[in-house]
């Protein structure tokens, strides 16, 4: 009886388990991400296998940490910027009751309920904002300008500003003299709003304090370009007319002393 040799049966190769596939894929992902190992892991022995979800979560956390560092560095940059006026220093200390947000100013308390005479760094709150008009480093000048617009336009602002306007003369004068076109125009327009708001209560002392730097920019032809020259002339004319209406008879001689060719906008008695 012949016995036929049976052909050796091929051993079936089972597909790799899902755990093995996950482990192999984990190695490739880890290598592509160039994940550095903990230097203490050699002392702790072999590490346990991490699933793919952990790798994805870790990668996402690293990405968020990187963007958070950039954002926090940008937000914190204000605290490293050197302020040149009392306003900037007070803002960094948290004494200014507002902050700059996208689209405007966010107040901790509505301006209508603020005390403009409240002491901030040795001066009134309103005078501190006026000092901020001379700032040149963002966000201080923008915050000061927008804040003052809100303060001047708030309900009951007239009576409050009447009491503090004389203490703001040096701040307005400095802002008009600092050589920045935007600061000059913003300050001049703000003074015009104040004069219109206060009507006959606009301070003659404040008017005399700001006339000289305004005249210098108009007569000396500041080198800001032709377009800026037109803007300056128009803004100055608007302010002088508003100031004359507000201050009354004392305004015209003071204005004529600095602007000899100024023509009164008021009707002269016959």
Protein backbone atom coordinates (compact mmCIF):
# COMPACT_ATOMS: atom_id res chain seq x y z
CA UNK A 1 0.00 0.00 0.00
CA UNK A 2 1.56 3.13 -1.17
CA UNK A 3 1.38 6.07 1.02
CA UNK A 4 1.25 9.43 -0.69
CA UNK A 5 3.06 12.21 0.92
CA UNK A 6 0.67 14.85 1.94
CA UNK A 7 1.69 18.33 0.89
CA UNK A 8 2.54 20.53 3.80
CA UNK A 9 -0.38 22.75 4.58
CA UNK A 10 0.24 26.43 4.49
CA UNK A 11 -0.17 28.12 7.80
CA UNK A 12 -2.92 30.66 7.61
CA UNK A 13 -1.80 34.20 8.39
CA UNK A 14 -4.33 35.93 10.56
CA UNK A 15 -4.90 39.64 10.01
CA UNK A 16 -3.22 41.89 12.54
CA UNK A 17 -5.36 42.70 15.48
CA UNK A 18 -6.79 46.14 15.88
CA UNK A 19 -4.54 46.62 18.90
CA UNK A 20 -1.47 45.88 16.81
CA UNK A 21 -2.61 48.16 14.02
CA UNK A 22 -3.23 50.94 16.50
CA UNK A 23 0.21 50.38 18.01
CA UNK A 24 1.94 50.53 14.62
CA UNK A 25 0.00 53.60 13.58
CA UNK A 26 0.81 55.22 16.90
CA UNK A 27 4.52 54.74 16.26
CA UNK A 28 4.30 56.33 12.81
CA UNK A 29 2.24 59.29 14.09
CA UNK A 30 4.59 59.80 17.03
CA UNK A 31 7.59 59.77 14.71
CA UNK A 32 5.98 62.23 12.28
CA UNK A 33 5.08 64.60 15.10
CA UNK A 34 8.62 64.29 16.44
CA UNK A 35 7.38 63.82 19.97
CA UNK A 36 10.27 63.99 22.38
CA UNK A 37 10.36 61.44 25.17
CA UNK A 38 10.42 62.34 28.78
CA UNK A 39 14.08 62.24 29.92
CA UNK A 40 12.93 60.51 33.08
CA UNK A 41 11.11 57.74 31.19
CA UNK A 42 14.28 55.62 30.98
CA UNK A 43 14.42 55.44 34.74
CA UNK A 44 10.75 54.62 35.03
CA UNK A 45 10.95 51.64 32.70
CA UNK A 46 8.86 50.95 29.60
CA UNK A 47 5.94 53.26 29.14
CA UNK A 48 2.45 52.03 28.57
CA UNK A 49 0.97 52.19 25.10
CA UNK A 50 -1.04 55.35 24.49
CA UNK A 51 -4.10 55.19 22.30
CA UNK A 52 -4.56 57.34 19.24
CA UNK A 53 -7.07 59.63 20.88
CA UNK A 54 -4.47 60.64 23.48
CA UNK A 55 -2.02 61.55 20.73
CA UNK A 56 -4.61 63.67 18.94
CA UNK A 57 -5.64 65.39 22.15
CA UNK A 58 -2.01 66.07 23.04
CA UNK A 59 -1.33 67.56 19.62
CA UNK A 60 -4.42 69.78 19.87
CA UNK A 61 -3.40 70.95 23.34
CA UNK A 62 0.08 71.85 22.07
CA UNK A 63 -1.46 73.85 19.24
CA UNK A 64 -3.79 75.71 21.60
CA UNK A 65 -0.96 76.41 24.04
CA UNK A 66 1.08 77.93 21.23
CA UNK A 67 -1.76 80.22 20.10
CA UNK A 68 -2.60 81.10 23.70
CA UNK A 69 0.99 82.16 24.32
CA UNK A 70 0.87 84.45 21.28
CA UNK A 71 -2.47 85.91 22.38
CA UNK A 72 -1.41 86.43 25.98
CA UNK A 73 1.84 87.99 24.83
CA UNK A 74 -0.13 90.40 22.64
CA UNK A 75 -2.57 91.26 25.44
CA UNK A 76 0.19 91.67 27.99
CA UNK A 77 2.27 93.89 25.73
CA UNK A 78 0.39 96.93 26.98
CA UNK A 79 1.90 96.46 30.42
CA UNK A 80 5.42 96.64 28.98
CA UNK A 81 4.77 99.81 26.97
CA UNK A 82 6.13 102.94 28.56
CA UNK A 83 3.48 105.57 29.18
CA UNK A 84 4.51 109.20 28.81
CA UNK A 85 1.63 110.78 30.75
CA UNK A 86 -0.26 110.29 33.97
CA UNK A 87 -3.12 108.70 32.03
CA UNK A 88 -1.02 105.76 30.84
CA UNK A 89 0.42 105.14 34.28
CA UNK A 90 -3.02 105.25 35.88
CA UNK A 91 -4.39 102.87 33.26
CA UNK A 92 -1.66 100.33 33.96
CA UNK A 93 -2.46 100.57 37.69
CA UNK A 94 -6.14 99.94 36.99
CA UNK A 95 -7.28 103.41 38.11
CA UNK A 96 -9.01 104.27 34.83
CA UNK A 97 -12.58 102.88 34.91
CA UNK A 98 -12.70 101.65 31.32
CA UNK A 99 -10.85 99.57 28.77
CA UNK A 100 -10.52 99.49 25.00
CA UNK A 101 -12.48 96.75 23.22
CA UNK A 102 -13.27 96.09 19.58
CA UNK A 103 -15.72 98.76 18.52
CA UNK A 104 -15.22 101.25 21.32
CA UNK A 105 -14.75 101.70 25.06
CA UNK A 106 -16.14 99.40 27.73
CA UNK A 107 -16.87 101.23 30.99
CA UNK A 108 -16.93 99.65 34.42
CA UNK A 109 -19.53 102.27 35.32
CA UNK A 110 -21.54 104.35 32.85
CA UNK A 111 -20.03 107.85 32.37
CA UNK A 112 -23.31 109.42 33.50
CA UNK A 113 -22.67 107.96 36.97
CA UNK A 114 -18.98 108.85 37.19
CA UNK A 115 -17.55 111.63 39.31
CA UNK A 116 -15.36 113.70 36.97
CA UNK A 117 -13.64 115.24 39.99
CA UNK A 118 -12.62 111.85 41.38
CA UNK A 119 -8.91 111.91 42.22
CA UNK A 120 -6.77 109.75 39.93
CA UNK A 121 -3.00 109.97 40.39
CA UNK A 122 -3.26 113.37 42.06
CA UNK A 123 -5.59 114.97 39.51
CA UNK A 124 -9.24 114.71 38.48
CA UNK A 125 -10.48 111.81 36.36
CA UNK A 126 -11.40 114.15 33.50
CA UNK A 127 -8.00 115.86 33.59
CA UNK A 128 -6.29 112.45 33.49
CA UNK A 129 -8.16 111.61 30.27
CA UNK A 130 -7.14 114.98 28.80
CA UNK A 131 -3.51 114.22 29.64
CA UNK A 132 -3.89 110.97 27.69
CA UNK A 133 -4.40 112.96 24.47
CA UNK A 134 -0.61 113.44 24.40
CA UNK A 135 0.11 109.69 24.49
CA UNK A 136 1.66 108.18 21.37
CA UNK A 137 1.75 104.44 22.15
CA UNK A 138 -1.33 102.35 21.38
CA UNK A 139 -3.82 101.92 23.01
CA UNK A 140 -3.44 104.94 25.31
CA UNK A 141 -4.26 107.77 22.84
CA UNK A 142 -7.22 105.90 21.32
CA UNK A 143 -8.62 105.09 24.74
CA UNK A 144 -8.21 108.69 25.91
CA UNK A 145 -9.89 110.17 22.83
CA UNK A 146 -12.84 107.77 22.77
CA UNK A 147 -13.21 108.00 26.54
CA UNK A 148 -13.37 111.80 26.42
CA UNK A 149 -16.01 111.69 23.69
CA UNK A 150 -18.14 109.50 25.97
CA UNK A 151 -17.49 111.73 28.99
CA UNK A 152 -18.39 114.93 27.12
CA UNK A 153 -21.50 113.34 25.62
CA UNK A 154 -22.77 111.75 28.85
CA UNK A 155 -25.93 112.87 30.57
CA UNK A 156 -25.19 115.63 33.09
CA UNK A 157 -21.70 116.22 31.67
CA UNK A 158 -22.11 119.99 31.41
CA UNK A 159 -22.25 120.64 35.14
CA UNK A 160 -19.39 118.21 35.80
CA UNK A 161 -17.05 119.66 33.16
CA UNK A 162 -17.67 123.22 34.33
CA UNK A 163 -15.99 122.35 37.63
CA UNK A 164 -12.87 120.68 36.17
CA UNK A 165 -12.19 122.51 32.89
CA UNK A 166 -9.66 124.98 34.30
CA UNK A 167 -7.55 122.11 35.62
CA UNK A 168 -7.35 120.66 32.11
CA UNK A 169 -5.70 123.67 30.45
CA UNK A 170 -2.16 122.29 30.62
CA UNK A 171 -3.28 118.90 29.30
CA UNK A 172 -5.06 120.40 26.29
CA UNK A 173 -2.12 122.69 25.59
CA UNK A 174 0.37 119.80 25.71
CA UNK A 175 -1.75 117.71 23.32
CA UNK A 176 -1.89 120.58 20.83
CA UNK A 177 1.89 121.04 21.01
CA UNK A 178 3.15 117.46 20.78
CA UNK A 179 3.57 117.55 17.00
CA UNK A 180 1.20 114.70 16.13
CA UNK A 181 -1.42 115.59 13.53
CA UNK A 182 -4.03 113.12 14.75
CA UNK A 183 -3.61 114.24 18.37
CA UNK A 184 -3.91 117.89 17.31
CA UNK A 185 -7.10 117.40 15.30
CA UNK A 186 -8.69 115.12 17.89
CA UNK A 187 -7.96 117.64 20.65
CA UNK A 188 -9.28 120.56 18.62
CA UNK A 189 -12.50 118.76 17.77
CA UNK A 190 -12.96 117.78 21.41
CA UNK A 191 -12.50 121.40 22.51
CA UNK A 192 -15.13 122.42 19.96
CA UNK A 193 -17.58 119.89 21.44
CA UNK A 194 -16.84 121.18 24.92
CA UNK A 195 -17.40 124.80 23.87
CA UNK A 196 -20.74 123.91 22.27
CA UNK A 197 -21.75 121.90 25.35
CA UNK A 198 -20.78 124.48 27.96
CA UNK A 199 -22.15 127.43 25.99
CA UNK A 200 -21.50 130.58 28.05
CA UNK A 201 -19.69 128.61 30.77
CA UNK A 202 -16.62 127.78 28.65
CA UNK A 203 -13.55 129.01 30.54
CA UNK A 204 -11.77 132.11 29.25
CA UNK A 205 -8.59 130.89 30.94
CA UNK A 206 -8.79 127.60 29.03
CA UNK A 207 -9.34 129.50 25.79
CA UNK A 208 -6.26 131.67 26.34
CA UNK A 209 -4.17 128.58 27.14
CA UNK A 210 -4.93 126.80 23.86
CA UNK A 211 -4.95 129.73 21.42
CA UNK A 212 -1.15 129.95 21.06
CA UNK A 213 -0.51 126.33 19.93
CA UNK A 214 -3.53 126.47 17.61
CA UNK A 215 -2.23 129.68 16.03
CA UNK A 216 1.22 128.17 15.61
CA UNK A 217 -0.12 125.20 13.66
CA UNK A 218 -2.27 127.43 11.47
CA UNK A 219 0.18 130.23 10.80
CA UNK A 220 3.48 128.35 10.82
CA UNK A 221 2.15 125.87 8.23
CA UNK A 222 2.97 122.61 9.95
CA UNK A 223 4.54 120.10 7.60
CA UNK A 224 1.65 117.65 7.54
CA UNK A 225 0.81 118.02 3.86
CA UNK A 226 -1.74 120.06 1.94
CA UNK A 227 -4.73 117.93 2.94
CA UNK A 228 -3.83 118.15 6.61
CA UNK A 229 -3.38 121.91 6.30
CA UNK A 230 -6.96 122.25 5.06
CA UNK A 231 -8.24 120.06 7.91
CA UNK A 232 -6.33 122.09 10.49
CA UNK A 233 -7.63 125.41 9.15
CA UNK A 234 -11.23 124.18 9.14
CA UNK A 235 -11.00 122.62 12.61
CA UNK A 236 -9.45 125.81 13.99
CA UNK A 237 -12.18 127.97 12.44
CA UNK A 238 -14.89 125.74 13.93
CA UNK A 239 -13.32 125.95 17.39
CA UNK A 240 -12.78 129.72 17.33
CA UNK A 241 -16.40 130.32 16.34
CA UNK A 242 -17.69 127.97 19.06
CA UNK A 243 -15.36 129.48 21.65
CA UNK A 244 -16.43 133.03 20.81
CA UNK A 245 -20.09 132.10 21.20
CA UNK A 246 -19.37 130.36 24.50
CA UNK A 247 -16.96 132.71 26.23
CA UNK A 248 -18.69 135.90 25.13
CA UNK A 249 -17.17 139.40 24.85
CA UNK A 250 -13.86 138.34 26.43
CA UNK A 251 -13.20 135.88 23.63
CA UNK A 252 -12.83 138.24 20.67
CA UNK A 253 -9.86 140.28 21.98
CA UNK A 254 -8.03 137.09 22.99
CA UNK A 255 -8.68 135.50 19.59
CA UNK A 256 -7.68 138.65 17.69
CA UNK A 257 -4.36 138.74 19.59
CA UNK A 258 -3.38 135.38 18.06
CA UNK A 259 -5.46 135.50 14.86
CA UNK A 260 -5.37 139.13 13.63
CA UNK A 261 -7.45 138.32 10.54
CA UNK A 262 -10.20 136.51 12.41
CA UNK A 263 -13.68 137.81 11.64
CA UNK A 264 -16.28 137.51 14.34
CA UNK A 265 -19.12 135.11 13.69
CA UNK A 266 -21.40 137.06 16.02
CA UNK A 267 -23.50 140.02 15.06
CA UNK A 268 -21.95 143.19 16.32
CA UNK A 269 -24.21 145.75 17.97
CA UNK A 270 -25.07 148.67 15.75
